[in-house]
């Protein structure tokens, strides 16, 4: 994905958060962010499990696509970086 696309996704995410904050307040925004983070993490874990179940972990195209999606989510702050505690 290009840098322009990443920037546009970040702007869209920031605008949505500002919109929610303006309507519902800061506390709701924080809860929504926590929920979104958990939902995205669960979706990524499901994708990883599906790749494993279908024995696609050795497929270079699948691996590259998965890594790119995770990188984009991390760059936009929608997916947290793995820490040593996660291992």
PDB file of N, CA and C in Angstrom:
ATOM      1  N   UNK A   1       0.850  -1.162   0.000  1.00  0.00           N
ATOM      2  CA  UNK A   1       0.000   0.000   0.000  1.00  0.00           C
ATOM      3  C   UNK A   1       0.899   1.229   0.000  1.00  0.00           C
ATOM      4  N   UNK A   2       0.513   2.254  -0.701  1.00  0.00           N
ATOM      5  CA  UNK A   2       1.346   3.428  -0.831  1.00  0.00           C
ATOM      6  C   UNK A   2       1.249   4.325   0.393  1.00  0.00           C
ATOM      7  N   UNK A   3       2.218   5.222   0.507  1.00  0.00           N
ATOM      8  CA  UNK A   3       2.233   6.162   1.630  1.00  0.00           C
ATOM      9  C   UNK A   3       0.999   7.063   1.584  1.00  0.00           C
ATOM     10  N   UNK A   4       0.570   7.416   0.381  1.00  0.00           N
ATOM     11  CA  UNK A   4      -0.624   8.252   0.226  1.00  0.00           C
ATOM     12  C   UNK A   4      -1.856   7.533   0.781  1.00  0.00           C
ATOM     13  N   UNK A   5      -1.975   6.245   0.519  1.00  0.00           N
ATOM     14  CA  UNK A   5      -3.096   5.459   1.032  1.00  0.00           C
ATOM     15  C   UNK A   5      -3.043   5.353   2.550  1.00  0.00           C
ATOM     16  N   UNK A   6      -1.834   5.149   3.095  1.00  0.00           N
ATOM     17  CA  UNK A   6      -1.668   5.082   4.546  1.00  0.00           C
ATOM     18  C   UNK A   6      -2.079   6.390   5.195  1.00  0.00           C
ATOM     19  N   UNK A   7      -1.663   7.500   4.586  1.00  0.00           N
ATOM     20  CA  UNK A   7      -1.995   8.823   5.109  1.00  0.00           C
ATOM     21  C   UNK A   7      -3.499   9.067   5.063  1.00  0.00           C
ATOM     22  N   UNK A   8      -4.129   8.648   3.985  1.00  0.00           N
ATOM     23  CA  UNK A   8      -5.568   8.823   3.842  1.00  0.00           C
ATOM     24  C   UNK A   8      -6.314   7.982   4.882  1.00  0.00           C
ATOM     25  N   UNK A   9      -5.858   6.767   5.135  1.00  0.00           N
ATOM     26  CA  UNK A   9      -6.479   5.909   6.142  1.00  0.00           C
ATOM     27  C   UNK A   9      -6.331   6.519   7.529  1.00  0.00           C
ATOM     28  N   UNK A  10      -5.171   7.080   7.820  1.00  0.00           N
ATOM     29  CA  UNK A  10      -4.943   7.735   9.116  1.00  0.00           C
ATOM     30  C   UNK A  10      -5.858   8.954   9.263  1.00  0.00           C
ATOM     31  N   UNK A  11      -5.976   9.752   8.219  1.00  0.00           N
ATOM     32  CA  UNK A  11      -6.849  10.928   8.274  1.00  0.00           C
ATOM     33  C   UNK A  11      -8.303  10.520   8.488  1.00  0.00           C
ATOM     34  N   UNK A  12      -8.721   9.471   7.820  1.00  0.00           N
ATOM     35  CA  UNK A  12     -10.089   8.982   7.969  1.00  0.00           C
ATOM     36  C   UNK A  12     -10.330   8.502   9.399  1.00  0.00           C
ATOM     37  N   UNK A  13      -9.397   7.761   9.951  1.00  0.00           N
ATOM     38  CA  UNK A  13      -9.503   7.273  11.322  1.00  0.00           C
ATOM     39  C   UNK A  13      -9.537   8.441  12.312  1.00  0.00           C
ATOM     40  N   UNK A  14      -8.646   9.415  12.122  1.00  0.00           N
ATOM     41  CA  UNK A  14      -8.617  10.591  13.004  1.00  0.00           C
ATOM     42  C   UNK A  14      -9.917  11.380  12.928  1.00  0.00           C
ATOM     43  N   UNK A  15     -10.442  11.556  11.724  1.00  0.00           N
ATOM     44  CA  UNK A  15     -11.700  12.288  11.553  1.00  0.00           C
ATOM     45  C   UNK A  15     -12.861  11.575  12.231  1.00  0.00           C
ATOM     46  N   UNK A  16     -12.895  10.254  12.100  1.00  0.00           N
ATOM     47  CA  UNK A  16     -13.955   9.473  12.740  1.00  0.00           C
ATOM     48  C   UNK A  16     -13.871   9.596  14.257  1.00  0.00           C
ATOM     49  N   UNK A  17     -12.665   9.537  14.801  1.00  0.00           N
ATOM     50  CA  UNK A  17     -12.489   9.666  16.237  1.00  0.00           C
ATOM     51  C   UNK A  17     -12.910  11.056  16.721  1.00  0.00           C
ATOM     52  N   UNK A  18     -12.559  12.090  15.967  1.00  0.00           N
ATOM     53  CA  UNK A  18     -12.978  13.445  16.325  1.00  0.00           C
ATOM     54  C   UNK A  18     -14.496  13.567  16.298  1.00  0.00           C
ATOM     55  N   UNK A  19     -15.123  12.950  15.322  1.00  0.00           N
ATOM     56  CA  UNK A  19     -16.576  12.963  15.189  1.00  0.00           C
ATOM     57  C   UNK A  19     -17.230  12.313  16.414  1.00  0.00           C
ATOM     58  N   UNK A  20     -16.766  11.132  16.785  1.00  0.00           N
ATOM     59  CA  UNK A  20     -17.309  10.417  17.946  1.00  0.00           C
ATOM     60  C   UNK A  20     -17.071  11.226  19.223  1.00  0.00           C
ATOM     61  N   UNK A  21     -15.884  11.785  19.350  1.00  0.00           N
ATOM     62  CA  UNK A  21     -15.543  12.583  20.529  1.00  0.00           C
ATOM     63  C   UNK A  21     -16.470  13.799  20.638  1.00  0.00           C
ATOM     64  N   UNK A  22     -16.737  14.443  19.523  1.00  0.00           N
ATOM     65  CA  UNK A  22     -17.607  15.613  19.522  1.00  0.00           C
ATOM     66  C   UNK A  22     -19.038  15.281  19.902  1.00  0.00           C
ATOM     67  N   UNK A  23     -19.513  14.140  19.506  1.00  0.00           N
ATOM     68  CA  UNK A  23     -20.902  13.763  19.782  1.00  0.00           C
ATOM     69  C   UNK A  23     -21.049  13.152  21.174  1.00  0.00           C
ATOM     70  N   UNK A  24     -20.190  12.213  21.514  1.00  0.00           N
ATOM     71  CA  UNK A  24     -20.377  11.420  22.725  1.00  0.00           C
ATOM     72  C   UNK A  24     -19.422  11.754  23.864  1.00  0.00           C
ATOM     73  N   UNK A  25     -18.376  12.517  23.606  1.00  0.00           N
ATOM     74  CA  UNK A  25     -17.435  12.879  24.654  1.00  0.00           C
ATOM     75  C   UNK A  25     -16.209  11.982  24.691  1.00  0.00           C
ATOM     76  N   UNK A  26     -15.261  12.414  25.497  1.00  0.00           N
ATOM     77  CA  UNK A  26     -13.956  11.748  25.585  1.00  0.00           C
ATOM     78  C   UNK A  26     -14.054  10.317  26.113  1.00  0.00           C
ATOM     79  N   UNK A  27     -14.866  10.100  27.137  1.00  0.00           N
ATOM     80  CA  UNK A  27     -14.960   8.764  27.742  1.00  0.00           C
ATOM     81  C   UNK A  27     -15.458   7.732  26.730  1.00  0.00           C
ATOM     82  N   UNK A  28     -16.453   8.104  25.955  1.00  0.00           N
ATOM     83  CA  UNK A  28     -16.978   7.189  24.936  1.00  0.00           C
ATOM     84  C   UNK A  28     -15.926   6.920  23.873  1.00  0.00           C
ATOM     85  N   UNK A  29     -15.161   7.949  23.525  1.00  0.00           N
ATOM     86  CA  UNK A  29     -14.095   7.780  22.532  1.00  0.00           C
ATOM     87  C   UNK A  29     -13.065   6.771  23.023  1.00  0.00           C
ATOM     88  N   UNK A  30     -12.685   6.868  24.303  1.00  0.00           N
ATOM     89  CA  UNK A  30     -11.712   5.924  24.863  1.00  0.00           C
ATOM     90  C   UNK A  30     -12.271   4.503  24.869  1.00  0.00           C
ATOM     91  N   UNK A  31     -13.536   4.359  25.236  1.00  0.00           N
ATOM     92  CA  UNK A  31     -14.161   3.023  25.227  1.00  0.00           C
ATOM     93  C   UNK A  31     -14.222   2.460  23.812  1.00  0.00           C
ATOM     94  N   UNK A  32     -14.568   3.322  22.852  1.00  0.00           N
ATOM     95  CA  UNK A  32     -14.648   2.894  21.457  1.00  0.00           C
ATOM     96  C   UNK A  32     -13.270   2.449  20.962  1.00  0.00           C
ATOM     97  N   UNK A  33     -12.233   3.197  21.341  1.00  0.00           N
ATOM     98  CA  UNK A  33     -10.879   2.826  20.925  1.00  0.00           C
ATOM     99  C   UNK A  33     -10.472   1.495  21.518  1.00  0.00           C
ATOM    100  N   UNK A  34     -10.801   1.276  22.791  1.00  0.00           N
ATOM    101  CA  UNK A  34     -10.495  -0.011  23.421  1.00  0.00           C
ATOM    102  C   UNK A  34     -11.234  -1.141  22.714  1.00  0.00           C
ATOM    103  N   UNK A  35     -12.509  -0.923  22.425  1.00  0.00           N
ATOM    104  CA  UNK A  35     -13.308  -1.934  21.733  1.00  0.00           C
ATOM    105  C   UNK A  35     -12.745  -2.190  20.337  1.00  0.00           C
ATOM    106  N   UNK A  36     -12.417  -1.125  19.614  1.00  0.00           N
ATOM    107  CA  UNK A  36     -11.869  -1.268  18.261  1.00  0.00           C
ATOM    108  C   UNK A  36     -10.559  -2.038  18.279  1.00  0.00           C
ATOM    109  N   UNK A  37      -9.701  -1.717  19.244  1.00  0.00           N
ATOM    110  CA  UNK A  37      -8.416  -2.412  19.345  1.00  0.00           C
ATOM    111  C   UNK A  37      -8.617  -3.896  19.589  1.00  0.00           C
ATOM    112  N   UNK A  38      -9.528  -4.215  20.488  1.00  0.00           N
ATOM    113  CA  UNK A  38      -9.810  -5.622  20.779  1.00  0.00           C
ATOM    114  C   UNK A  38     -10.413  -6.318  19.563  1.00  0.00           C
ATOM    115  N   UNK A  39     -11.325  -5.641  18.874  1.00  0.00           N
ATOM    116  CA  UNK A  39     -11.956  -6.239  17.693  1.00  0.00           C
ATOM    117  C   UNK A  39     -10.929  -6.500  16.595  1.00  0.00           C
ATOM    118  N   UNK A  40     -10.042  -5.546  16.360  1.00  0.00           N
ATOM    119  CA  UNK A  40      -9.018  -5.704  15.326  1.00  0.00           C
ATOM    120  C   UNK A  40      -8.050  -6.815  15.714  1.00  0.00           C
ATOM    121  N   UNK A  41      -7.645  -6.840  16.981  1.00  0.00           N
ATOM    122  CA  UNK A  41      -6.733  -7.890  17.449  1.00  0.00           C
ATOM    123  C   UNK A  41      -7.371  -9.266  17.282  1.00  0.00           C
ATOM    124  N   UNK A  42      -8.655  -9.375  17.620  1.00  0.00           N
ATOM    125  CA  UNK A  42      -9.376 -10.648  17.475  1.00  0.00           C
ATOM    126  C   UNK A  42      -9.469 -11.051  16.011  1.00  0.00           C
ATOM    127  N   UNK A  43      -9.737 -10.090  15.145  1.00  0.00           N
ATOM    128  CA  UNK A  43      -9.835 -10.368  13.711  1.00  0.00           C
ATOM    129  C   UNK A  43      -8.492 -10.842  13.151  1.00  0.00           C
ATOM    130  N   UNK A  44      -7.412 -10.204  13.576  1.00  0.00           N
ATOM    131  CA  UNK A  44      -6.074 -10.612  13.126  1.00  0.00           C
ATOM    132  C   UNK A  44      -5.753 -12.021  13.628  1.00  0.00           C
ATOM    133  N   UNK A  45      -6.079 -12.289  14.884  1.00  0.00           N
ATOM    134  CA  UNK A  45      -5.845 -13.629  15.434  1.00  0.00           C
ATOM    135  C   UNK A  45      -6.662 -14.682  14.685  1.00  0.00           C
ATOM    136  N   UNK A  46      -7.902 -14.339  14.342  1.00  0.00           N
ATOM    137  CA  UNK A  46      -8.738 -15.256  13.567  1.00  0.00           C
ATOM    138  C   UNK A  46      -8.103 -15.525  12.202  1.00  0.00           C
ATOM    139  N   UNK A  47      -7.623 -14.469  11.552  1.00  0.00           N
ATOM    140  CA  UNK A  47      -6.963 -14.636  10.257  1.00  0.00           C
ATOM    141  C   UNK A  47      -5.739 -15.523  10.349  1.00  0.00           C
ATOM    142  N   UNK A  48      -4.940 -15.312  11.410  1.00  0.00           N
ATOM    143  CA  UNK A  48      -3.752 -16.151  11.616  1.00  0.00           C
ATOM    144  C   UNK A  48      -4.140 -17.612  11.822  1.00  0.00           C
ATOM    145  N   UNK A  49      -5.189 -17.830  12.611  1.00  0.00           N
ATOM    146  CA  UNK A  49      -5.652 -19.199  12.891  1.00  0.00           C
ATOM    147  C   UNK A  49      -6.182 -19.848  11.603  1.00  0.00           C
ATOM    148  N   UNK A  50      -6.902 -19.069  10.807  1.00  0.00           N
ATOM    149  CA  UNK A  50      -7.432 -19.579   9.544  1.00  0.00           C
ATOM    150  C   UNK A  50      -6.303 -19.965   8.591  1.00  0.00           C
ATOM    151  N   UNK A  51      -5.288 -19.121   8.518  1.00  0.00           N
ATOM    152  CA  UNK A  51      -4.128 -19.423   7.671  1.00  0.00           C
ATOM    153  C   UNK A  51      -3.461 -20.721   8.134  1.00  0.00           C
ATOM    154  N   UNK A  52      -3.342 -20.865   9.452  1.00  0.00           N
ATOM    155  CA  UNK A  52      -2.734 -22.079  10.007  1.00  0.00           C
ATOM    156  C   UNK A  52      -3.598 -23.312   9.725  1.00  0.00           C
ATOM    157  N   UNK A  53      -4.900 -23.193   9.932  1.00  0.00           N
ATOM    158  CA  UNK A  53      -5.817 -24.315   9.741  1.00  0.00           C
ATOM    159  C   UNK A  53      -5.826 -24.787   8.288  1.00  0.00           C
ATOM    160  N   UNK A  54      -5.743 -23.842   7.368  1.00  0.00           N
ATOM    161  CA  UNK A  54      -5.757 -24.176   5.940  1.00  0.00           C
ATOM    162  C   UNK A  54      -4.362 -24.487   5.398  1.00  0.00           C
ATOM    163  N   UNK A  55      -3.384 -24.536   6.312  1.00  0.00           N
ATOM    164  CA  UNK A  55      -1.995 -24.828   5.940  1.00  0.00           C
ATOM    165  C   UNK A  55      -1.459 -23.886   4.863  1.00  0.00           C
ATOM    166  N   UNK A  56      -1.728 -22.597   5.043  1.00  0.00           N
ATOM    167  CA  UNK A  56      -1.281 -21.595   4.075  1.00  0.00           C
ATOM    168  C   UNK A  56      -0.098 -20.781   4.579  1.00  0.00           C
ATOM    169  N   UNK A  57       0.443 -21.125   5.757  1.00  0.00           N
ATOM    170  CA  UNK A  57       1.521 -20.342   6.335  1.00  0.00           C
ATOM    171  C   UNK A  57       2.801 -20.365   5.504  1.00  0.00           C
ATOM    172  N   UNK A  58       2.962 -21.343   4.640  1.00  0.00           N
ATOM    173  CA  UNK A  58       4.141 -21.425   3.778  1.00  0.00           C
ATOM    174  C   UNK A  58       3.926 -20.764   2.423  1.00  0.00           C
ATOM    175  N   UNK A  59       2.703 -20.355   2.144  1.00  0.00           N
ATOM    176  CA  UNK A  59       2.386 -19.687   0.882  1.00  0.00           C
ATOM    177  C   UNK A  59       2.903 -18.255   0.946  1.00  0.00           C
ATOM    178  N   UNK A  60       3.851 -17.921   0.077  1.00  0.00           N
ATOM    179  CA  UNK A  60       4.498 -16.607   0.127  1.00  0.00           C
ATOM    180  C   UNK A  60       3.529 -15.456  -0.095  1.00  0.00           C
ATOM    181  N   UNK A  61       2.578 -15.623  -0.981  1.00  0.00           N
ATOM    182  CA  UNK A  61       1.608 -14.562  -1.243  1.00  0.00           C
ATOM    183  C   UNK A  61       0.731 -14.310  -0.016  1.00  0.00           C
ATOM    184  N   UNK A  62       0.275 -15.374   0.608  1.00  0.00           N
ATOM    185  CA  UNK A  62      -0.559 -15.256   1.807  1.00  0.00           C
ATOM    186  C   UNK A  62       0.249 -14.618   2.941  1.00  0.00           C
ATOM    187  N   UNK A  63       1.466 -15.084   3.120  1.00  0.00           N
ATOM    188  CA  UNK A  63       2.329 -14.561   4.183  1.00  0.00           C
ATOM    189  C   UNK A  63       2.619 -13.074   3.968  1.00  0.00           C
ATOM    190  N   UNK A  64       2.950 -12.710   2.744  1.00  0.00           N
ATOM    191  CA  UNK A  64       3.260 -11.313   2.423  1.00  0.00           C
ATOM    192  C   UNK A  64       2.024 -10.432   2.629  1.00  0.00           C
ATOM    193  N   UNK A  65       0.877 -10.891   2.180  1.00  0.00           N
ATOM    194  CA  UNK A  65      -0.365 -10.123   2.339  1.00  0.00           C
ATOM    195  C   UNK A  65      -0.712  -9.929   3.810  1.00  0.00           C
ATOM    196  N   UNK A  66      -0.594 -10.981   4.591  1.00  0.00           N
ATOM    197  CA  UNK A  66      -0.865 -10.914   6.018  1.00  0.00           C
ATOM    198  C   UNK A  66       0.072  -9.926   6.707  1.00  0.00           C
ATOM    199  N   UNK A  67       1.351 -10.006   6.383  1.00  0.00           N
ATOM    200  CA  UNK A  67       2.336  -9.103   6.974  1.00  0.00           C
ATOM    201  C   UNK A  67       2.056  -7.645   6.593  1.00  0.00           C
ATOM    202  N   UNK A  68       1.669  -7.411   5.339  1.00  0.00           N
ATOM    203  CA  UNK A  68       1.370  -6.051   4.892  1.00  0.00           C
ATOM    204  C   UNK A  68       0.164  -5.478   5.630  1.00  0.00           C
ATOM    205  N   UNK A  69      -0.866  -6.279   5.792  1.00  0.00           N
ATOM    206  CA  UNK A  69      -2.061  -5.819   6.505  1.00  0.00           C
ATOM    207  C   UNK A  69      -1.715  -5.485   7.948  1.00  0.00           C
ATOM    208  N   UNK A  70      -0.953  -6.347   8.597  1.00  0.00           N
ATOM    209  CA  UNK A  70      -0.553  -6.097   9.988  1.00  0.00           C
ATOM    210  C   UNK A  70       0.297  -4.832  10.081  1.00  0.00           C
ATOM    211  N   UNK A  71       1.205  -4.634   9.138  1.00  0.00           N
ATOM    212  CA  UNK A  71       2.045  -3.433   9.145  1.00  0.00           C
ATOM    213  C   UNK A  71       1.202  -2.163   8.998  1.00  0.00           C
ATOM    214  N   UNK A  72       0.236  -2.200   8.106  1.00  0.00           N
ATOM    215  CA  UNK A  72      -0.634  -1.036   7.905  1.00  0.00           C
ATOM    216  C   UNK A  72      -1.435  -0.745   9.169  1.00  0.00           C
ATOM    217  N   UNK A  73      -1.974  -1.782   9.779  1.00  0.00           N
ATOM    218  CA  UNK A  73      -2.730  -1.600  11.022  1.00  0.00           C
ATOM    219  C   UNK A  73      -1.847  -1.043  12.134  1.00  0.00           C
ATOM    220  N   UNK A  74      -0.598  -1.481  12.193  1.00  0.00           N
ATOM    221  CA  UNK A  74       0.331  -0.973  13.205  1.00  0.00           C
ATOM    222  C   UNK A  74       0.704   0.483  12.918  1.00  0.00           C
ATOM    223  N   UNK A  75       0.946   0.799  11.648  1.00  0.00           N
ATOM    224  CA  UNK A  75       1.320   2.163  11.278  1.00  0.00           C
ATOM    225  C   UNK A  75       0.216   3.169  11.583  1.00  0.00           C
ATOM    226  N   UNK A  76      -1.005   2.740  11.447  1.00  0.00           N
ATOM    227  CA  UNK A  76      -2.129   3.639  11.711  1.00  0.00           C
ATOM    228  C   UNK A  76      -2.558   3.617  13.171  1.00  0.00           C
ATOM    229  N   UNK A  77      -1.892   2.790  13.975  1.00  0.00           N
ATOM    230  CA  UNK A  77      -2.199   2.727  15.391  1.00  0.00           C
ATOM    231  C   UNK A  77      -3.408   1.870  15.727  1.00  0.00           C
ATOM    232  N   UNK A  78      -3.891   1.116  14.770  1.00  0.00           N
ATOM    233  CA  UNK A  78      -5.061   0.275  14.993  1.00  0.00           C
ATOM    234  C   UNK A  78      -4.706  -1.096  15.550  1.00  0.00           C
ATOM    235  N   UNK A  79      -3.436  -1.458  15.485  1.00  0.00           N
ATOM    236  CA  UNK A  79      -2.962  -2.724  16.028  1.00  0.00           C
ATOM    237  C   UNK A  79      -1.681  -2.430  16.790  1.00  0.00           C
ATOM    238  N   UNK A  80      -1.622  -2.891  18.026  1.00  0.00           N
ATOM    239  CA  UNK A  80      -0.456  -2.636  18.851  1.00  0.00           C
ATOM    240  C   UNK A  80       0.698  -3.531  18.435  1.00  0.00           C
ATOM    241  N   UNK A  81       1.909  -2.999  18.617  1.00  0.00           N
ATOM    242  CA  UNK A  81       3.108  -3.780  18.355  1.00  0.00           C
ATOM    243  C   UNK A  81       3.174  -4.913  19.356  1.00  0.00           C
ATOM    244  N   UNK A  82       3.735  -6.044  18.952  1.00  0.00           N
ATOM    245  CA  UNK A  82       3.965  -7.160  19.872  1.00  0.00           C
ATOM    246  C   UNK A  82       5.048  -6.759  20.853  1.00  0.00           C
ATOM    247  N   UNK A  83       4.858  -7.101  22.122  1.00  0.00           N
ATOM    248  CA  UNK A  83       5.878  -6.879  23.131  1.00  0.00           C
ATOM    249  C   UNK A  83       6.425  -8.213  23.577  1.00  0.00           C
ATOM    250  N   UNK A  84       7.485  -8.181  24.351  1.00  0.00           N
ATOM    251  CA  UNK A  84       8.071  -9.430  24.831  1.00  0.00           C
ATOM    252  C   UNK A  84       7.101 -10.192  25.719  1.00  0.00           C
ATOM    253  N   UNK A  85       6.171  -9.466  26.377  1.00  0.00           N
ATOM    254  CA  UNK A  85       5.193 -10.123  27.229  1.00  0.00           C
ATOM    255  C   UNK A  85       4.239 -11.009  26.425  1.00  0.00           C
ATOM    256  N   UNK A  86       4.036 -10.661  25.145  1.00  0.00           N
ATOM    257  CA  UNK A  86       3.122 -11.414  24.297  1.00  0.00           C
ATOM    258  C   UNK A  86       3.682 -12.775  23.903  1.00  0.00           C
ATOM    259  N   UNK A  87       4.977 -13.000  24.101  1.00  0.00           N
ATOM    260  CA  UNK A  87       5.589 -14.241  23.669  1.00  0.00           C
ATOM    261  C   UNK A  87       5.684 -15.206  24.772  1.00  0.00           C
TER     262      UNK A  87
END
